[in-house]
Amino acid sequence: MGGELSVSEIERIVLSDPHIKRIVPAEEWDIPKIDLALWSESCRRRMNKSLRYLIDFLGRPYIIDDFETDDGARRQWRMGLTSKQQGAYEYLKNSALSATKIQGVNHIRQLKSDYTGTNISMLQDELSQIPIPGPEYVTWSTEKKKEVVCELKVKIYGFLKFLSQQSPAS
């Protein structure tokens, strides 16, 4: 037969693993349009990439496993899947709970660079209210991670809505 597996087929494979408790689908978001003219022309491509990362992050599912705080065991287990189960490794890396994905949210800090829109102080206030977990994140229980990431997603969405309401400076 050949070809790549569909997302639902990969989810079925992932869910059949005894370490996976459940997969919680990503929330539904009405992503607002953001004018890239809010940033200087020289950095719009970089800002677009940062915005794209944040929007993609909002769409990531929560993959709940039984490793809790043992990130090393989780990583070793995930690496073992690459040869056995096509697509499962990449799917698991896509979890909103992935520490790597959480650290990637730091892209949001770049959005104040070369910002030329109005309300720079409001932009800084909005950014300061987005709680990005630090290195301690990997020591938290899976449920605490999910709770924190849900809150983080809400804050990111609020920030994107804020940006969508801003105007480029004249």
C-alpha atoms as a PDB file:
ATOM      1  CA  MET A   1       0.000   0.000   0.000  1.00  0.00           C
ATOM      2  CA  GLY A   2       2.755   2.564   0.961  1.00  0.00           C
ATOM      3  CA  GLY A   3       2.342   6.279   1.498  1.00  0.00           C
ATOM      4  CA  GLU A   4       2.106   8.294   4.656  1.00  0.00           C
ATOM      5  CA  LEU A   5      -0.348   7.570   7.402  1.00  0.00           C
ATOM      6  CA  SER A   6      -3.208   9.963   8.084  1.00  0.00           C
ATOM      7  CA  VAL A   7      -3.309  11.905  11.349  1.00  0.00           C
ATOM      8  CA  SER A   8      -6.167   9.712  12.612  1.00  0.00           C
ATOM      9  CA  GLU A   9      -4.153   6.550  11.843  1.00  0.00           C
ATOM     10  CA  ILE A  10      -1.132   7.971  13.676  1.00  0.00           C
ATOM     11  CA  GLU A  11      -3.347   8.965  16.622  1.00  0.00           C
ATOM     12  CA  ARG A  12      -4.674   5.396  16.744  1.00  0.00           C
ATOM     13  CA  ILE A  13      -1.103   4.051  16.851  1.00  0.00           C
ATOM     14  CA  VAL A  14      -0.108   6.556  19.548  1.00  0.00           C
ATOM     15  CA  LEU A  15      -3.209   5.805  21.639  1.00  0.00           C
ATOM     16  CA  SER A  16      -2.482   2.072  21.471  1.00  0.00           C
ATOM     17  CA  ASP A  17       0.800   2.626  23.318  1.00  0.00           C
ATOM     18  CA  PRO A  18       0.471   1.764  27.028  1.00  0.00           C
ATOM     19  CA  HIS A  19       2.311   4.991  28.023  1.00  0.00           C
ATOM     20  CA  ILE A  20      -0.334   7.226  26.432  1.00  0.00           C
ATOM     21  CA  LYS A  21      -3.288   8.050  28.684  1.00  0.00           C
ATOM     22  CA  ARG A  22      -5.179  10.257  26.236  1.00  0.00           C
ATOM     23  CA  ILE A  23      -4.943  12.880  23.521  1.00  0.00           C
ATOM     24  CA  VAL A  24      -6.822  16.102  24.168  1.00  0.00           C
ATOM     25  CA  PRO A  25      -7.486  17.984  20.925  1.00  0.00           C
ATOM     26  CA  ALA A  26      -6.365  21.600  20.661  1.00  0.00           C
ATOM     27  CA  GLU A  27      -8.894  24.286  21.406  1.00  0.00           C
ATOM     28  CA  GLU A  28     -10.661  26.029  18.533  1.00  0.00           C
ATOM     29  CA  TRP A  29      -9.414  29.585  17.977  1.00  0.00           C
ATOM     30  CA  ASP A  30     -10.661  32.294  15.647  1.00  0.00           C
ATOM     31  CA  ILE A  31      -7.221  33.584  14.672  1.00  0.00           C
ATOM     32  CA  PRO A  32      -7.311  37.321  13.956  1.00  0.00           C
ATOM     33  CA  LYS A  33      -5.512  38.931  11.026  1.00  0.00           C
ATOM     34  CA  ILE A  34      -2.436  40.863  12.090  1.00  0.00           C
ATOM     35  CA  ASP A  35      -0.958  43.610   9.930  1.00  0.00           C
ATOM     36  CA  LEU A  36       2.762  43.008   9.445  1.00  0.00           C
ATOM     37  CA  ALA A  37       3.112  46.756   8.844  1.00  0.00           C
ATOM     38  CA  LEU A  38       3.180  46.994  12.658  1.00  0.00           C
ATOM     39  CA  TRP A  39       6.891  46.179  12.346  1.00  0.00           C
ATOM     40  CA  SER A  40       9.667  47.802  10.369  1.00  0.00           C
ATOM     41  CA  GLU A  41       9.928  46.457   6.856  1.00  0.00           C
ATOM     42  CA  SER A  42      13.359  44.942   7.451  1.00  0.00           C
ATOM     43  CA  CYS A  43      12.086  42.494  10.077  1.00  0.00           C
ATOM     44  CA  ARG A  44       8.588  41.613   8.845  1.00  0.00           C
ATOM     45  CA  ARG A  45       9.661  38.183   7.578  1.00  0.00           C
ATOM     46  CA  ARG A  46      11.074  37.324  11.036  1.00  0.00           C
ATOM     47  CA  MET A  47       7.954  38.674  12.767  1.00  0.00           C
ATOM     48  CA  ASN A  48       5.742  36.660  10.428  1.00  0.00           C
ATOM     49  CA  LYS A  49       7.700  33.540  11.366  1.00  0.00           C
ATOM     50  CA  SER A  50       7.265  34.313  15.087  1.00  0.00           C
ATOM     51  CA  LEU A  51       3.529  34.899  14.655  1.00  0.00           C
ATOM     52  CA  ARG A  52       3.231  31.675  12.639  1.00  0.00           C
ATOM     53  CA  TYR A  53       4.937  29.736  15.450  1.00  0.00           C
ATOM     54  CA  LEU A  54       2.505  31.150  18.020  1.00  0.00           C
ATOM     55  CA  ILE A  55      -0.521  30.397  15.847  1.00  0.00           C
ATOM     56  CA  ASP A  56       0.751  26.858  15.241  1.00  0.00           C
ATOM     57  CA  PHE A  57       1.297  26.456  18.992  1.00  0.00           C
ATOM     58  CA  LEU A  58      -2.364  27.311  19.633  1.00  0.00           C
ATOM     59  CA  GLY A  59      -3.348  24.418  17.345  1.00  0.00           C
ATOM     60  CA  ARG A  60      -1.231  21.778  19.072  1.00  0.00           C
ATOM     61  CA  PRO A  61      -3.003  18.933  20.904  1.00  0.00           C
ATOM     62  CA  TYR A  62      -2.212  17.859  24.463  1.00  0.00           C
ATOM     63  CA  ILE A  63      -0.713  14.372  24.488  1.00  0.00           C
ATOM     64  CA  ILE A  64      -1.046  13.025  28.025  1.00  0.00           C
ATOM     65  CA  ASP A  65       1.338  10.221  28.956  1.00  0.00           C
ATOM     66  CA  ASP A  66       2.247   8.393  32.161  1.00  0.00           C
ATOM     67  CA  PHE A  67       5.831   9.661  32.463  1.00  0.00           C
ATOM     68  CA  GLU A  68       4.833  12.617  34.651  1.00  0.00           C
ATOM     69  CA  THR A  69       8.121  14.327  35.629  1.00  0.00           C
ATOM     70  CA  ASP A  70      10.524  11.778  34.075  1.00  0.00           C
ATOM     71  CA  ASP A  71      11.384  13.710  30.938  1.00  0.00           C
ATOM     72  CA  GLY A  72      14.463  11.566  30.261  1.00  0.00           C
ATOM     73  CA  ALA A  73      12.389   8.366  30.177  1.00  0.00           C
ATOM     74  CA  ARG A  74       9.831  10.104  27.954  1.00  0.00           C
ATOM     75  CA  ARG A  75      12.553  11.183  25.524  1.00  0.00           C
ATOM     76  CA  GLN A  76      14.090   7.685  25.452  1.00  0.00           C
ATOM     77  CA  TRP A  77      10.683   6.073  24.891  1.00  0.00           C
ATOM     78  CA  ARG A  78       9.842   8.553  22.112  1.00  0.00           C
ATOM     79  CA  MET A  79      13.163   7.898  20.366  1.00  0.00           C
ATOM     80  CA  GLY A  80      12.396   4.170  20.416  1.00  0.00           C
ATOM     81  CA  LEU A  81       9.204   4.798  18.453  1.00  0.00           C
ATOM     82  CA  THR A  82      10.966   6.186  15.396  1.00  0.00           C
ATOM     83  CA  SER A  83      11.953   2.818  14.001  1.00  0.00           C
ATOM     84  CA  LYS A  84       8.821   0.942  15.082  1.00  0.00           C
ATOM     85  CA  GLN A  85       5.956   3.272  14.286  1.00  0.00           C
ATOM     86  CA  GLN A  86       5.959   5.510  11.246  1.00  0.00           C
ATOM     87  CA  GLY A  87       4.847   9.069  12.028  1.00  0.00           C
ATOM     88  CA  ALA A  88       4.324   8.514  15.766  1.00  0.00           C
ATOM     89  CA  TYR A  89       7.582  10.194  16.760  1.00  0.00           C
ATOM     90  CA  GLU A  90       6.798  13.394  14.838  1.00  0.00           C
ATOM     91  CA  TYR A  91       3.232  13.405  16.122  1.00  0.00           C
ATOM     92  CA  LEU A  92       4.414  13.108  19.735  1.00  0.00           C
ATOM     93  CA  LYS A  93       6.869  15.977  19.252  1.00  0.00           C
ATOM     94  CA  ASN A  94       3.866  18.083  18.214  1.00  0.00           C
ATOM     95  CA  SER A  95       2.315  18.011  21.698  1.00  0.00           C
ATOM     96  CA  ALA A  96       1.545  21.399  23.243  1.00  0.00           C
ATOM     97  CA  LEU A  97       3.073  19.972  26.433  1.00  0.00           C
ATOM     98  CA  SER A  98       6.511  19.484  24.851  1.00  0.00           C
ATOM     99  CA  ALA A  99       9.139  21.474  26.770  1.00  0.00           C
ATOM    100  CA  THR A 100      10.784  22.323  23.442  1.00  0.00           C
ATOM    101  CA  LYS A 101       7.523  23.782  22.110  1.00  0.00           C
ATOM    102  CA  ILE A 102       7.048  25.788  25.324  1.00  0.00           C
ATOM    103  CA  GLN A 103      10.535  27.294  25.019  1.00  0.00           C
ATOM    104  CA  GLY A 104       9.752  28.126  21.387  1.00  0.00           C
ATOM    105  CA  VAL A 105       6.955  30.368  22.624  1.00  0.00           C
ATOM    106  CA  ASN A 106       9.733  32.777  23.551  1.00  0.00           C
ATOM    107  CA  HIS A 107       9.298  33.911  19.930  1.00  0.00           C
ATOM    108  CA  ILE A 108       6.643  36.146  21.414  1.00  0.00           C
ATOM    109  CA  ARG A 109       9.345  38.302  23.009  1.00  0.00           C
ATOM    110  CA  GLN A 110      10.724  39.109  19.545  1.00  0.00           C
ATOM    111  CA  LEU A 111       7.482  40.806  18.630  1.00  0.00           C
ATOM    112  CA  LYS A 112       8.459  43.977  20.495  1.00  0.00           C
ATOM    113  CA  SER A 113      11.609  44.307  18.346  1.00  0.00           C
ATOM    114  CA  ASP A 114      11.239  46.931  15.644  1.00  0.00           C
ATOM    115  CA  TYR A 115       7.552  47.412  16.536  1.00  0.00           C
ATOM    116  CA  THR A 116       6.373  50.568  14.795  1.00  0.00           C
ATOM    117  CA  GLY A 117       2.712  50.363  15.707  1.00  0.00           C
ATOM    118  CA  THR A 118       0.923  52.644  18.085  1.00  0.00           C
ATOM    119  CA  ASN A 119       0.699  51.786  21.785  1.00  0.00           C
ATOM    120  CA  ILE A 120       4.209  50.399  22.344  1.00  0.00           C
ATOM    121  CA  SER A 121       3.677  50.654  26.117  1.00  0.00           C
ATOM    122  CA  MET A 122       0.460  48.618  25.860  1.00  0.00           C
ATOM    123  CA  LEU A 123       2.341  46.059  23.759  1.00  0.00           C
ATOM    124  CA  GLN A 124       4.957  45.749  26.502  1.00  0.00           C
ATOM    125  CA  ASP A 125       2.218  45.440  29.158  1.00  0.00           C
ATOM    126  CA  GLU A 126       0.496  42.701  27.147  1.00  0.00           C
ATOM    127  CA  LEU A 127       3.774  40.821  26.706  1.00  0.00           C
ATOM    128  CA  SER A 128       4.603  41.051  30.413  1.00  0.00           C
ATOM    129  CA  GLN A 129       1.338  39.251  31.240  1.00  0.00           C
ATOM    130  CA  ILE A 130       2.271  36.143  29.252  1.00  0.00           C
ATOM    131  CA  PRO A 131       3.740  33.613  31.696  1.00  0.00           C
ATOM    132  CA  ILE A 132       6.288  31.482  29.840  1.00  0.00           C
ATOM    133  CA  PRO A 133       7.490  28.652  32.091  1.00  0.00           C
ATOM    134  CA  GLY A 134      11.205  28.301  32.668  1.00  0.00           C
ATOM    135  CA  PRO A 135      13.408  25.246  33.212  1.00  0.00           C
ATOM    136  CA  GLU A 136      11.284  24.130  36.174  1.00  0.00           C
ATOM    137  CA  TYR A 137       8.541  23.185  33.686  1.00  0.00           C
ATOM    138  CA  VAL A 138      10.020  19.691  33.149  1.00  0.00           C
ATOM    139  CA  THR A 139       9.661  18.940  36.883  1.00  0.00           C
ATOM    140  CA  TRP A 140       5.903  19.548  36.916  1.00  0.00           C
ATOM    141  CA  SER A 141       3.220  16.866  36.760  1.00  0.00           C
ATOM    142  CA  THR A 142       1.515  16.341  33.420  1.00  0.00           C
ATOM    143  CA  GLU A 143      -1.754  17.782  34.729  1.00  0.00           C
ATOM    144  CA  LYS A 144      -0.015  20.923  36.028  1.00  0.00           C
ATOM    145  CA  LYS A 145       1.719  21.307  32.650  1.00  0.00           C
ATOM    146  CA  LYS A 146      -1.625  21.017  30.867  1.00  0.00           C
ATOM    147  CA  GLU A 147      -3.207  23.608  33.171  1.00  0.00           C
ATOM    148  CA  VAL A 148      -0.312  26.048  32.646  1.00  0.00           C
ATOM    149  CA  VAL A 149      -0.216  25.497  28.870  1.00  0.00           C
ATOM    150  CA  CYS A 150      -3.989  26.053  28.598  1.00  0.00           C
ATOM    151  CA  GLU A 151      -3.541  29.382  30.406  1.00  0.00           C
ATOM    152  CA  LEU A 152      -0.546  30.214  28.199  1.00  0.00           C
ATOM    153  CA  LYS A 153      -2.595  29.561  25.065  1.00  0.00           C
ATOM    154  CA  VAL A 154      -5.372  31.872  26.309  1.00  0.00           C
ATOM    155  CA  LYS A 155      -2.812  34.628  26.967  1.00  0.00           C
ATOM    156  CA  ILE A 156      -1.197  34.143  23.538  1.00  0.00           C
ATOM    157  CA  TYR A 157      -4.594  34.328  21.866  1.00  0.00           C
ATOM    158  CA  GLY A 158      -5.399  37.514  23.808  1.00  0.00           C
ATOM    159  CA  PHE A 159      -2.089  38.978  22.683  1.00  0.00           C
ATOM    160  CA  LEU A 160      -2.810  38.105  19.042  1.00  0.00           C
ATOM    161  CA  LYS A 161      -6.209  39.796  19.364  1.00  0.00           C
ATOM    162  CA  PHE A 162      -4.494  42.852  20.858  1.00  0.00           C
ATOM    163  CA  LEU A 163      -2.094  42.984  17.883  1.00  0.00           C
ATOM    164  CA  SER A 164      -4.979  42.656  15.436  1.00  0.00           C
ATOM    165  CA  GLN A 165      -6.512  45.838  16.894  1.00  0.00           C
ATOM    166  CA  GLN A 166      -3.342  47.914  16.527  1.00  0.00           C
ATOM    167  CA  SER A 167      -2.535  50.323  13.722  1.00  0.00           C
ATOM    168  CA  PRO A 168       0.817  50.985  12.116  1.00  0.00           C
ATOM    169  CA  ALA A 169       2.281  54.349  13.110  1.00  0.00           C
ATOM    170  CA  SER A 170       1.828  57.025  10.488  1.00  0.00           C
END
